[in-house]
Amino acid sequence: MRKRRYVTVHNRAEHFLLSPSKNMMRGYLLAVLSVCIVMVFTLAFQAGAEAVFHPELLDDSADLLDDEQFEKLNCSLFDISQKYQFNVAVITTNTLGNYDAQGYANQMFTSREYGYEATNDGILLLVSMDQRDWCITRDGYGYTAFTDAGLRYISEHVKKKLSAGDYYGAFTTYAELCDKFLKKAESGAPYDNGNLPRDLPSPGAWAVIVGLGALLGVGVTLLFKRQLRTVRRNAAAQQYIREGSFRLSRREDTFLYSRVTRVKKPKNETRSGGGGGGSSHSSGPSGISGKF
């Protein structure tokens, strides 16, 4: 009986000593499995992000930007592309090779797959230093957000700074306007002829306007003051009234005539394309180009 009791107690103790080791092994396995699951989801998310947003939205092959400017602009382009799920890109080059500016921009847009997903939603600004060419091309949803009139508006603002040699200013202006136009397009009424953004005068222009207005106001005031030197103050206006000069002998209201104009209400018509507004395009990217 004692021997059996001893063996029973020994077996229980051995079982008790082994149980914690098994629990620890299970904990380690669960921890490793959890880490693997997190890594798989992280890699999948990164792969999905790379598939959606082009990793090289800024290509400064012409070295127009310093390192700090490059980083700031690259971050700005990525943020805008991520916010609207619409790739906004910039390419600078020293030569176009055998292409013109539009052909080179279209070829780069297609070969580098700047368009977002299957609808190729994106816009690209190209600057070539050889012949001082520029081009803005777009595809997919870009035809809705950036109409022909909208591209002309953006290009005018970008070209001014390119011509002045302010390349970073030109690229940041392009990025800011792309953000503004994409936000407006989200509202369902993209910028087009008749509702393009109004440009406010610069601080220098405001100073000139205010100064000229002040000088004009002072001049007019002095002129009227000089003309009123002969005026004298009078306590009453009786001297200007001729006594008994006004007599009302008859009063009546007479109806002369009435006039009614009728205009035929035009029928509603649907328009598509043309007219200078909107964008008409075939398959593939297209845009606007010129010299700076």
C-alpha atoms as a PDB file:
ATOM      1  CA  MET A   1       0.000   0.000   0.000  1.00  0.00           C
ATOM      2  CA  ARG A   2       2.815   2.413   0.822  1.00  0.00           C
ATOM      3  CA  LYS A   3       4.594   1.606  -2.413  1.00  0.00           C
ATOM      4  CA  ARG A   4       1.510   2.244  -4.465  1.00  0.00           C
ATOM      5  CA  ARG A   5       0.915   5.543  -2.674  1.00  0.00           C
ATOM      6  CA  TYR A   6       4.503   6.616  -3.321  1.00  0.00           C
ATOM      7  CA  VAL A   7       4.308   5.804  -6.995  1.00  0.00           C
ATOM      8  CA  THR A   8       0.999   7.585  -7.331  1.00  0.00           C
ATOM      9  CA  VAL A   9       2.354  10.719  -5.703  1.00  0.00           C
ATOM     10  CA  HIS A  10       5.517  10.567  -7.837  1.00  0.00           C
ATOM     11  CA  ASN A  11       3.531  10.313 -11.054  1.00  0.00           C
ATOM     12  CA  ARG A  12       1.367  13.229 -10.070  1.00  0.00           C
ATOM     13  CA  ALA A  13       4.406  15.337  -9.295  1.00  0.00           C
ATOM     14  CA  GLU A  14       5.999  14.425 -12.603  1.00  0.00           C
ATOM     15  CA  HIS A  15       2.804  15.341 -14.414  1.00  0.00           C
ATOM     16  CA  PHE A  16       2.683  18.625 -12.522  1.00  0.00           C
ATOM     17  CA  LEU A  17       6.269  19.457 -13.463  1.00  0.00           C
ATOM     18  CA  LEU A  18       5.711  18.747 -17.153  1.00  0.00           C
ATOM     19  CA  SER A  19       2.529  20.801 -17.538  1.00  0.00           C
ATOM     20  CA  PRO A  20       4.168  24.286 -17.257  1.00  0.00           C
ATOM     21  CA  SER A  21       6.637  23.394 -20.025  1.00  0.00           C
ATOM     22  CA  LYS A  22       3.823  22.475 -22.369  1.00  0.00           C
ATOM     23  CA  ASN A  23       2.005  25.721 -21.585  1.00  0.00           C
ATOM     24  CA  MET A  24       5.133  27.732 -22.290  1.00  0.00           C
ATOM     25  CA  MET A  25       5.621  26.007 -25.624  1.00  0.00           C
ATOM     26  CA  ARG A  26       2.051  26.749 -26.583  1.00  0.00           C
ATOM     27  CA  GLY A  27       2.578  30.417 -25.650  1.00  0.00           C
ATOM     28  CA  TYR A  28       5.710  30.639 -27.786  1.00  0.00           C
ATOM     29  CA  LEU A  29       3.920  29.069 -30.737  1.00  0.00           C
ATOM     30  CA  LEU A  30       0.998  31.484 -30.429  1.00  0.00           C
ATOM     31  CA  ALA A  31       3.389  34.462 -30.239  1.00  0.00           C
ATOM     32  CA  VAL A  32       5.295  33.327 -33.340  1.00  0.00           C
ATOM     33  CA  LEU A  33       2.048  32.702 -35.191  1.00  0.00           C
ATOM     34  CA  SER A  34       0.750  36.179 -34.266  1.00  0.00           C
ATOM     35  CA  VAL A  35       3.941  37.832 -35.524  1.00  0.00           C
ATOM     36  CA  CYS A  36       3.702  35.934 -38.809  1.00  0.00           C
ATOM     37  CA  ILE A  37       0.085  37.007 -39.304  1.00  0.00           C
ATOM     38  CA  VAL A  38       0.958  40.681 -38.652  1.00  0.00           C
ATOM     39  CA  MET A  39       3.876  40.500 -41.108  1.00  0.00           C
ATOM     40  CA  VAL A  40       1.685  38.948 -43.798  1.00  0.00           C
ATOM     41  CA  PHE A  41      -0.972  41.655 -43.465  1.00  0.00           C
ATOM     42  CA  THR A  42       1.701  44.397 -43.422  1.00  0.00           C
ATOM     43  CA  LEU A  43       3.334  43.104 -46.591  1.00  0.00           C
ATOM     44  CA  ALA A  44      -0.055  42.736 -48.273  1.00  0.00           C
ATOM     45  CA  PHE A  45      -0.971  46.317 -47.380  1.00  0.00           C
ATOM     46  CA  GLN A  46       2.344  47.641 -48.669  1.00  0.00           C
ATOM     47  CA  ALA A  47       1.974  45.683 -51.905  1.00  0.00           C
ATOM     48  CA  GLY A  48      -1.528  47.057 -52.336  1.00  0.00           C
ATOM     49  CA  ALA A  49      -0.355  50.620 -51.676  1.00  0.00           C
ATOM     50  CA  GLU A  50       2.453  50.257 -54.211  1.00  0.00           C
ATOM     51  CA  ALA A  51      -0.017  48.924 -56.762  1.00  0.00           C
ATOM     52  CA  VAL A  52      -2.327  51.890 -56.248  1.00  0.00           C
ATOM     53  CA  PHE A  53       0.109  54.776 -55.886  1.00  0.00           C
ATOM     54  CA  HIS A  54       3.070  55.006 -58.211  1.00  0.00           C
ATOM     55  CA  PRO A  55       6.332  54.967 -56.206  1.00  0.00           C
ATOM     56  CA  GLU A  56       8.098  57.436 -58.513  1.00  0.00           C
ATOM     57  CA  LEU A  57       5.729  60.388 -58.777  1.00  0.00           C
ATOM     58  CA  LEU A  58       8.693  62.774 -59.009  1.00  0.00           C
ATOM     59  CA  ASP A  59      11.545  62.210 -61.471  1.00  0.00           C
ATOM     60  CA  ASP A  60      13.997  65.131 -61.517  1.00  0.00           C
ATOM     61  CA  SER A  61      16.450  63.865 -64.129  1.00  0.00           C
ATOM     62  CA  ALA A  62      17.342  67.473 -65.070  1.00  0.00           C
ATOM     63  CA  ASP A  63      18.432  68.216 -61.446  1.00  0.00           C
ATOM     64  CA  LEU A  64      16.303  71.345 -61.101  1.00  0.00           C
ATOM     65  CA  LEU A  65      15.651  70.796 -57.371  1.00  0.00           C
ATOM     66  CA  ASP A  66      17.909  70.488 -54.353  1.00  0.00           C
ATOM     67  CA  ASP A  67      17.484  67.617 -51.887  1.00  0.00           C
ATOM     68  CA  GLU A  68      15.153  69.494 -49.522  1.00  0.00           C
ATOM     69  CA  GLN A  69      12.933  70.732 -52.342  1.00  0.00           C
ATOM     70  CA  PHE A  70      12.819  67.235 -53.824  1.00  0.00           C
ATOM     71  CA  GLU A  71      11.672  65.668 -50.555  1.00  0.00           C
ATOM     72  CA  LYS A  72       9.000  68.298 -49.913  1.00  0.00           C
ATOM     73  CA  LEU A  73       7.577  68.114 -53.425  1.00  0.00           C
ATOM     74  CA  ASN A  74       7.681  64.312 -53.492  1.00  0.00           C
ATOM     75  CA  CYS A  75       5.735  64.148 -50.208  1.00  0.00           C
ATOM     76  CA  SER A  76       3.212  66.674 -51.510  1.00  0.00           C
ATOM     77  CA  LEU A  77       2.619  64.707 -54.721  1.00  0.00           C
ATOM     78  CA  PHE A  78       2.205  61.465 -52.778  1.00  0.00           C
ATOM     79  CA  ASP A  79      -0.235  63.022 -50.283  1.00  0.00           C
ATOM     80  CA  ILE A  80      -2.421  64.427 -53.069  1.00  0.00           C
ATOM     81  CA  SER A  81      -2.346  61.126 -54.978  1.00  0.00           C
ATOM     82  CA  GLN A  82      -3.286  59.191 -51.860  1.00  0.00           C
ATOM     83  CA  LYS A  83      -6.051  61.592 -50.861  1.00  0.00           C
ATOM     84  CA  TYR A  84      -7.878  61.468 -54.203  1.00  0.00           C
ATOM     85  CA  GLN A  85      -6.679  58.041 -55.448  1.00  0.00           C
ATOM     86  CA  PHE A  86      -5.426  59.901 -58.518  1.00  0.00           C
ATOM     87  CA  ASN A  87      -1.732  59.969 -59.427  1.00  0.00           C
ATOM     88  CA  VAL A  88      -0.165  63.451 -59.735  1.00  0.00           C
ATOM     89  CA  ALA A  89       3.343  63.252 -61.220  1.00  0.00           C
ATOM     90  CA  VAL A  90       6.239  65.507 -62.345  1.00  0.00           C
ATOM     91  CA  ILE A  91       9.089  64.622 -64.714  1.00  0.00           C
ATOM     92  CA  THR A  92      12.050  66.809 -65.686  1.00  0.00           C
ATOM     93  CA  THR A  93      14.478  65.846 -68.444  1.00  0.00           C
ATOM     94  CA  ASN A  94      17.317  67.401 -70.395  1.00  0.00           C
ATOM     95  CA  THR A  95      16.193  66.201 -73.814  1.00  0.00           C
ATOM     96  CA  LEU A  96      13.100  64.813 -75.565  1.00  0.00           C
ATOM     97  CA  GLY A  97      15.021  62.658 -78.009  1.00  0.00           C
ATOM     98  CA  ASN A  98      12.989  62.158 -81.190  1.00  0.00           C
ATOM     99  CA  TYR A  99       9.697  63.125 -79.535  1.00  0.00           C
ATOM    100  CA  ASP A 100       7.872  66.406 -79.228  1.00  0.00           C
ATOM    101  CA  ALA A 101       6.786  67.453 -75.732  1.00  0.00           C
ATOM    102  CA  GLN A 102       3.275  65.974 -75.993  1.00  0.00           C
ATOM    103  CA  GLY A 103       4.482  62.705 -77.478  1.00  0.00           C
ATOM    104  CA  TYR A 104       7.215  62.310 -74.850  1.00  0.00           C
ATOM    105  CA  ALA A 105       4.800  63.050 -71.993  1.00  0.00           C
ATOM    106  CA  ASN A 106       2.212  60.599 -73.314  1.00  0.00           C
ATOM    107  CA  GLN A 107       4.860  57.915 -73.792  1.00  0.00           C
ATOM    108  CA  MET A 108       6.191  58.379 -70.245  1.00  0.00           C
ATOM    109  CA  PHE A 109       2.685  58.387 -68.791  1.00  0.00           C
ATOM    110  CA  THR A 110       1.896  55.066 -70.482  1.00  0.00           C
ATOM    111  CA  SER A 111       5.232  53.262 -70.137  1.00  0.00           C
ATOM    112  CA  ARG A 112       5.631  54.136 -66.439  1.00  0.00           C
ATOM    113  CA  GLU A 113       1.984  53.342 -65.741  1.00  0.00           C
ATOM    114  CA  TYR A 114       1.246  56.625 -63.994  1.00  0.00           C
ATOM    115  CA  GLY A 115      -2.489  56.024 -64.359  1.00  0.00           C
ATOM    116  CA  TYR A 116      -4.315  54.832 -61.251  1.00  0.00           C
ATOM    117  CA  GLU A 117      -5.742  51.305 -61.597  1.00  0.00           C
ATOM    118  CA  ALA A 118      -7.479  50.161 -64.792  1.00  0.00           C
ATOM    119  CA  THR A 119      -9.049  53.586 -65.450  1.00  0.00           C
ATOM    120  CA  ASN A 120      -5.592  55.225 -65.739  1.00  0.00           C
ATOM    121  CA  ASP A 121      -6.565  58.179 -63.547  1.00  0.00           C
ATOM    122  CA  GLY A 122      -3.629  60.565 -63.442  1.00  0.00           C
ATOM    123  CA  ILE A 123      -1.954  63.788 -64.562  1.00  0.00           C
ATOM    124  CA  LEU A 124       1.687  64.478 -65.471  1.00  0.00           C
ATOM    125  CA  LEU A 125       3.722  67.676 -65.796  1.00  0.00           C
ATOM    126  CA  LEU A 126       6.769  67.359 -68.063  1.00  0.00           C
ATOM    127  CA  VAL A 127       9.569  69.941 -68.268  1.00  0.00           C
ATOM    128  CA  SER A 128      12.415  69.567 -70.804  1.00  0.00           C
ATOM    129  CA  MET A 129      15.390  71.922 -70.567  1.00  0.00           C
ATOM    130  CA  ASP A 130      16.895  71.339 -74.027  1.00  0.00           C
ATOM    131  CA  GLN A 131      14.389  73.462 -75.968  1.00  0.00           C
ATOM    132  CA  ARG A 132      12.558  74.773 -72.871  1.00  0.00           C
ATOM    133  CA  ASP A 133       9.451  72.671 -73.506  1.00  0.00           C
ATOM    134  CA  TRP A 134       6.663  71.915 -71.086  1.00  0.00           C
ATOM    135  CA  CYS A 135       3.592  69.682 -71.279  1.00  0.00           C
ATOM    136  CA  ILE A 136       0.691  68.701 -69.033  1.00  0.00           C
ATOM    137  CA  THR A 137      -1.062  65.472 -70.010  1.00  0.00           C
ATOM    138  CA  ARG A 138      -3.810  63.494 -68.273  1.00  0.00           C
ATOM    139  CA  ASP A 139      -5.930  60.385 -68.665  1.00  0.00           C
ATOM    140  CA  GLY A 140      -8.945  58.649 -67.119  1.00  0.00           C
ATOM    141  CA  TYR A 141     -10.704  60.797 -64.534  1.00  0.00           C
ATOM    142  CA  GLY A 142      -8.247  63.544 -65.450  1.00  0.00           C
ATOM    143  CA  TYR A 143     -10.467  64.484 -68.385  1.00  0.00           C
ATOM    144  CA  THR A 144     -13.275  65.224 -65.916  1.00  0.00           C
ATOM    145  CA  ALA A 145     -11.264  67.016 -63.224  1.00  0.00           C
ATOM    146  CA  PHE A 146      -8.993  68.887 -65.651  1.00  0.00           C
ATOM    147  CA  THR A 147     -10.968  70.186 -68.621  1.00  0.00           C
ATOM    148  CA  ASP A 148      -9.295  71.903 -71.567  1.00  0.00           C
ATOM    149  CA  ALA A 149     -10.035  75.287 -69.982  1.00  0.00           C
ATOM    150  CA  GLY A 150      -8.687  74.033 -66.660  1.00  0.00           C
ATOM    151  CA  LEU A 151      -5.426  72.846 -68.242  1.00  0.00           C
ATOM    152  CA  ARG A 152      -4.962  76.256 -69.873  1.00  0.00           C
ATOM    153  CA  TYR A 153      -5.508  77.933 -66.502  1.00  0.00           C
ATOM    154  CA  ILE A 154      -2.965  75.704 -64.745  1.00  0.00           C
ATOM    155  CA  SER A 155      -0.414  75.990 -67.555  1.00  0.00           C
ATOM    156  CA  GLU A 156      -0.534  79.813 -67.473  1.00  0.00           C
ATOM    157  CA  HIS A 157       0.332  79.877 -63.786  1.00  0.00           C
ATOM    158  CA  VAL A 158       3.028  77.218 -64.099  1.00  0.00           C
ATOM    159  CA  LYS A 159       4.593  78.766 -67.218  1.00  0.00           C
ATOM    160  CA  LYS A 160       5.078  82.154 -65.513  1.00  0.00           C
ATOM    161  CA  LYS A 161       7.312  80.631 -62.860  1.00  0.00           C
ATOM    162  CA  LEU A 162       9.114  78.356 -65.300  1.00  0.00           C
ATOM    163  CA  SER A 163       9.999  81.385 -67.426  1.00  0.00           C
ATOM    164  CA  ALA A 164      11.328  83.174 -64.328  1.00  0.00           C
ATOM    165  CA  GLY A 165      13.546  80.198 -63.466  1.00  0.00           C
ATOM    166  CA  ASP A 166      11.550  79.405 -60.302  1.00  0.00           C
ATOM    167  CA  TYR A 167      11.227  75.679 -60.966  1.00  0.00           C
ATOM    168  CA  TYR A 168      10.345  74.671 -57.420  1.00  0.00           C
ATOM    169  CA  GLY A 169       7.691  77.398 -57.347  1.00  0.00           C
ATOM    170  CA  ALA A 170       6.310  76.145 -60.670  1.00  0.00           C
ATOM    171  CA  PHE A 171       6.064  72.550 -59.429  1.00  0.00           C
ATOM    172  CA  THR A 172       4.482  73.486 -56.090  1.00  0.00           C
ATOM    173  CA  THR A 173       1.974  75.721 -57.918  1.00  0.00           C
ATOM    174  CA  TYR A 174       1.138  72.774 -60.173  1.00  0.00           C
ATOM    175  CA  ALA A 175       0.654  70.482 -57.166  1.00  0.00           C
ATOM    176  CA  GLU A 176      -1.512  73.018 -55.293  1.00  0.00           C
ATOM    177  CA  LEU A 177      -3.714  73.637 -58.326  1.00  0.00           C
ATOM    178  CA  CYS A 178      -4.096  69.895 -58.920  1.00  0.00           C
ATOM    179  CA  ASP A 179      -5.261  69.533 -55.317  1.00  0.00           C
ATOM    180  CA  LYS A 180      -7.686  72.431 -55.791  1.00  0.00           C
ATOM    181  CA  PHE A 181      -9.101  71.113 -59.072  1.00  0.00           C
ATOM    182  CA  LEU A 182      -9.520  67.546 -57.764  1.00  0.00           C
ATOM    183  CA  LYS A 183     -11.338  68.827 -54.676  1.00  0.00           C
ATOM    184  CA  LYS A 184     -13.684  70.889 -56.862  1.00  0.00           C
ATOM    185  CA  ALA A 185     -14.332  67.907 -59.129  1.00  0.00           C
ATOM    186  CA  GLU A 186     -15.385  65.860 -56.087  1.00  0.00           C
ATOM    187  CA  SER A 187     -18.255  68.309 -55.557  1.00  0.00           C
ATOM    188  CA  GLY A 188     -19.687  67.343 -58.953  1.00  0.00           C
ATOM    189  CA  ALA A 189     -18.967  70.714 -60.620  1.00  0.00           C
ATOM    190  CA  PRO A 190     -15.355  70.716 -61.889  1.00  0.00           C
ATOM    191  CA  TYR A 191     -13.641  73.938 -62.847  1.00  0.00           C
ATOM    192  CA  ASP A 192     -14.392  74.884 -66.467  1.00  0.00           C
ATOM    193  CA  ASN A 193     -15.225  77.900 -68.608  1.00  0.00           C
ATOM    194  CA  GLY A 194     -17.284  80.319 -66.534  1.00  0.00           C
ATOM    195  CA  ASN A 195     -16.277  79.078 -63.080  1.00  0.00           C
ATOM    196  CA  LEU A 196     -12.472  79.024 -63.098  1.00  0.00           C
ATOM    197  CA  PRO A 197     -10.745  80.219 -59.903  1.00  0.00           C
ATOM    198  CA  ARG A 198     -10.361  83.978 -59.606  1.00  0.00           C
ATOM    199  CA  ASP A 199      -6.816  85.192 -59.095  1.00  0.00           C
ATOM    200  CA  LEU A 200      -6.390  87.636 -56.219  1.00  0.00           C
ATOM    201  CA  PRO A 201      -3.902  90.503 -56.654  1.00  0.00           C
ATOM    202  CA  SER A 202      -0.481  89.997 -55.124  1.00  0.00           C
ATOM    203  CA  PRO A 203       0.484  91.920 -51.933  1.00  0.00           C
ATOM    204  CA  GLY A 204       2.508  94.357 -54.049  1.00  0.00           C
ATOM    205  CA  ALA A 205      -0.440  94.973 -56.343  1.00  0.00           C
ATOM    206  CA  TRP A 206      -2.700  95.546 -53.327  1.00  0.00           C
ATOM    207  CA  ALA A 207      -0.254  98.164 -51.999  1.00  0.00           C
ATOM    208  CA  VAL A 208      -0.274 100.006 -55.338  1.00  0.00           C
ATOM    209  CA  ILE A 209      -4.085  99.897 -55.542  1.00  0.00           C
ATOM    210  CA  VAL A 210      -4.520 101.229 -51.997  1.00  0.00           C
ATOM    211  CA  GLY A 211      -1.922 103.965 -52.561  1.00  0.00           C
ATOM    212  CA  LEU A 212      -3.516 105.160 -55.803  1.00  0.00           C
ATOM    213  CA  GLY A 213      -6.947 105.128 -54.185  1.00  0.00           C
ATOM    214  CA  ALA A 214      -5.722 107.214 -51.270  1.00  0.00           C
ATOM    215  CA  LEU A 215      -4.061 109.765 -53.573  1.00  0.00           C
ATOM    216  CA  LEU A 216      -7.154 109.998 -55.749  1.00  0.00           C
ATOM    217  CA  GLY A 217      -9.370 110.506 -52.701  1.00  0.00           C
ATOM    218  CA  VAL A 218      -7.177 113.288 -51.318  1.00  0.00           C
ATOM    219  CA  GLY A 219      -7.028 115.019 -54.716  1.00  0.00           C
ATOM    220  CA  VAL A 220     -10.818 115.000 -55.194  1.00  0.00           C
ATOM    221  CA  THR A 221     -11.359 116.277 -51.647  1.00  0.00           C
ATOM    222  CA  LEU A 222      -8.957 119.207 -52.150  1.00  0.00           C
ATOM    223  CA  LEU A 223     -10.587 120.070 -55.480  1.00  0.00           C
ATOM    224  CA  PHE A 224     -14.084 120.286 -54.002  1.00  0.00           C
ATOM    225  CA  LYS A 225     -12.794 122.222 -51.022  1.00  0.00           C
ATOM    226  CA  ARG A 226     -11.284 124.859 -53.306  1.00  0.00           C
ATOM    227  CA  GLN A 227     -14.577 125.225 -55.228  1.00  0.00           C
ATOM    228  CA  LEU A 228     -16.522 125.815 -51.999  1.00  0.00           C
ATOM    229  CA  ARG A 229     -14.537 128.812 -50.758  1.00  0.00           C
ATOM    230  CA  THR A 230     -17.311 131.289 -51.792  1.00  0.00           C
ATOM    231  CA  VAL A 231     -19.984 129.456 -49.838  1.00  0.00           C
ATOM    232  CA  ARG A 232     -21.168 131.191 -46.652  1.00  0.00           C
ATOM    233  CA  ARG A 233     -23.193 129.706 -43.893  1.00  0.00           C
ATOM    234  CA  ASN A 234     -26.851 130.856 -43.664  1.00  0.00           C
ATOM    235  CA  ALA A 235     -29.273 130.086 -40.858  1.00  0.00           C
ATOM    236  CA  ALA A 236     -32.336 129.805 -43.194  1.00  0.00           C
ATOM    237  CA  ALA A 237     -33.197 129.297 -46.873  1.00  0.00           C
ATOM    238  CA  GLN A 238     -36.038 131.832 -47.164  1.00  0.00           C
ATOM    239  CA  GLN A 239     -34.058 134.020 -49.515  1.00  0.00           C
ATOM    240  CA  TYR A 240     -34.173 131.292 -52.181  1.00  0.00           C
ATOM    241  CA  ILE A 241     -38.006 131.068 -52.153  1.00  0.00           C
ATOM    242  CA  ARG A 242     -40.135 133.557 -54.166  1.00  0.00           C
ATOM    243  CA  GLU A 243     -43.301 134.145 -52.238  1.00  0.00           C
ATOM    244  CA  GLY A 244     -46.500 133.083 -54.062  1.00  0.00           C
ATOM    245  CA  SER A 245     -44.607 131.593 -57.008  1.00  0.00           C
ATOM    246  CA  PHE A 246     -46.163 128.136 -56.723  1.00  0.00           C
ATOM    247  CA  ARG A 247     -49.904 127.555 -57.273  1.00  0.00           C
ATOM    248  CA  LEU A 248     -51.563 124.165 -57.847  1.00  0.00           C
ATOM    249  CA  SER A 249     -54.725 124.729 -59.916  1.00  0.00           C
ATOM    250  CA  ARG A 250     -55.590 121.149 -61.057  1.00  0.00           C
ATOM    251  CA  ARG A 251     -54.737 117.603 -60.114  1.00  0.00           C
ATOM    252  CA  GLU A 252     -55.636 114.348 -61.891  1.00  0.00           C
ATOM    253  CA  ASP A 253     -54.236 110.877 -62.711  1.00  0.00           C
ATOM    254  CA  THR A 254     -54.349 109.769 -66.371  1.00  0.00           C
ATOM    255  CA  PHE A 255     -53.747 106.149 -67.540  1.00  0.00           C
ATOM    256  CA  LEU A 256     -51.715 106.234 -70.733  1.00  0.00           C
ATOM    257  CA  TYR A 257     -51.116 102.634 -71.971  1.00  0.00           C
ATOM    258  CA  SER A 258     -49.896  99.135 -71.043  1.00  0.00           C
ATOM    259  CA  ARG A 259     -47.495  96.810 -72.824  1.00  0.00           C
ATOM    260  CA  VAL A 260     -47.283  93.003 -72.604  1.00  0.00           C
ATOM    261  CA  THR A 261     -44.380  91.066 -74.102  1.00  0.00           C
ATOM    262  CA  ARG A 262     -44.566  87.311 -74.692  1.00  0.00           C
ATOM    263  CA  VAL A 263     -41.498  85.166 -75.338  1.00  0.00           C
ATOM    264  CA  LYS A 264     -41.688  81.571 -76.496  1.00  0.00           C
ATOM    265  CA  LYS A 265     -40.087  79.177 -74.026  1.00  0.00           C
ATOM    266  CA  PRO A 266     -37.289  77.175 -75.748  1.00  0.00           C
ATOM    267  CA  LYS A 267     -37.294  73.392 -75.566  1.00  0.00           C
ATOM    268  CA  ASN A 268     -34.671  71.657 -73.453  1.00  0.00           C
ATOM    269  CA  GLU A 269     -31.752  70.353 -75.493  1.00  0.00           C
ATOM    270  CA  THR A 270     -28.878  68.112 -74.519  1.00  0.00           C
ATOM    271  CA  ARG A 271     -25.367  69.005 -75.580  1.00  0.00           C
ATOM    272  CA  SER A 272     -22.346  66.777 -75.750  1.00  0.00           C
ATOM    273  CA  GLY A 273     -18.778  67.877 -76.378  1.00  0.00           C
ATOM    274  CA  GLY A 274     -17.573  70.958 -78.217  1.00  0.00           C
ATOM    275  CA  GLY A 275     -18.385  74.499 -77.159  1.00  0.00           C
ATOM    276  CA  GLY A 276     -14.970  75.142 -75.609  1.00  0.00           C
ATOM    277  CA  GLY A 277     -15.965  73.612 -72.261  1.00  0.00           C
ATOM    278  CA  GLY A 278     -15.363  70.115 -70.979  1.00  0.00           C
ATOM    279  CA  SER A 279     -12.966  67.745 -72.674  1.00  0.00           C
ATOM    280  CA  SER A 280     -13.272  65.634 -75.784  1.00  0.00           C
ATOM    281  CA  HIS A 281     -10.757  62.800 -76.127  1.00  0.00           C
ATOM    282  CA  SER A 282     -10.027  59.414 -77.555  1.00  0.00           C
ATOM    283  CA  SER A 283      -8.395  56.513 -75.736  1.00  0.00           C
ATOM    284  CA  GLY A 284      -5.106  57.371 -74.028  1.00  0.00           C
ATOM    285  CA  PRO A 285      -3.504  60.431 -72.432  1.00  0.00           C
ATOM    286  CA  SER A 286      -3.528  63.891 -74.015  1.00  0.00           C
ATOM    287  CA  GLY A 287      -3.143  67.467 -72.882  1.00  0.00           C
ATOM    288  CA  ILE A 288      -1.500  70.800 -73.620  1.00  0.00           C
ATOM    289  CA  SER A 289       2.115  71.827 -74.321  1.00  0.00           C
ATOM    290  CA  GLY A 290       4.281  74.825 -75.197  1.00  0.00           C
ATOM    291  CA  LYS A 291       7.523  76.748 -74.570  1.00  0.00           C
ATOM    292  CA  PHE A 292       8.640  78.675 -71.498  1.00  0.00           C
END
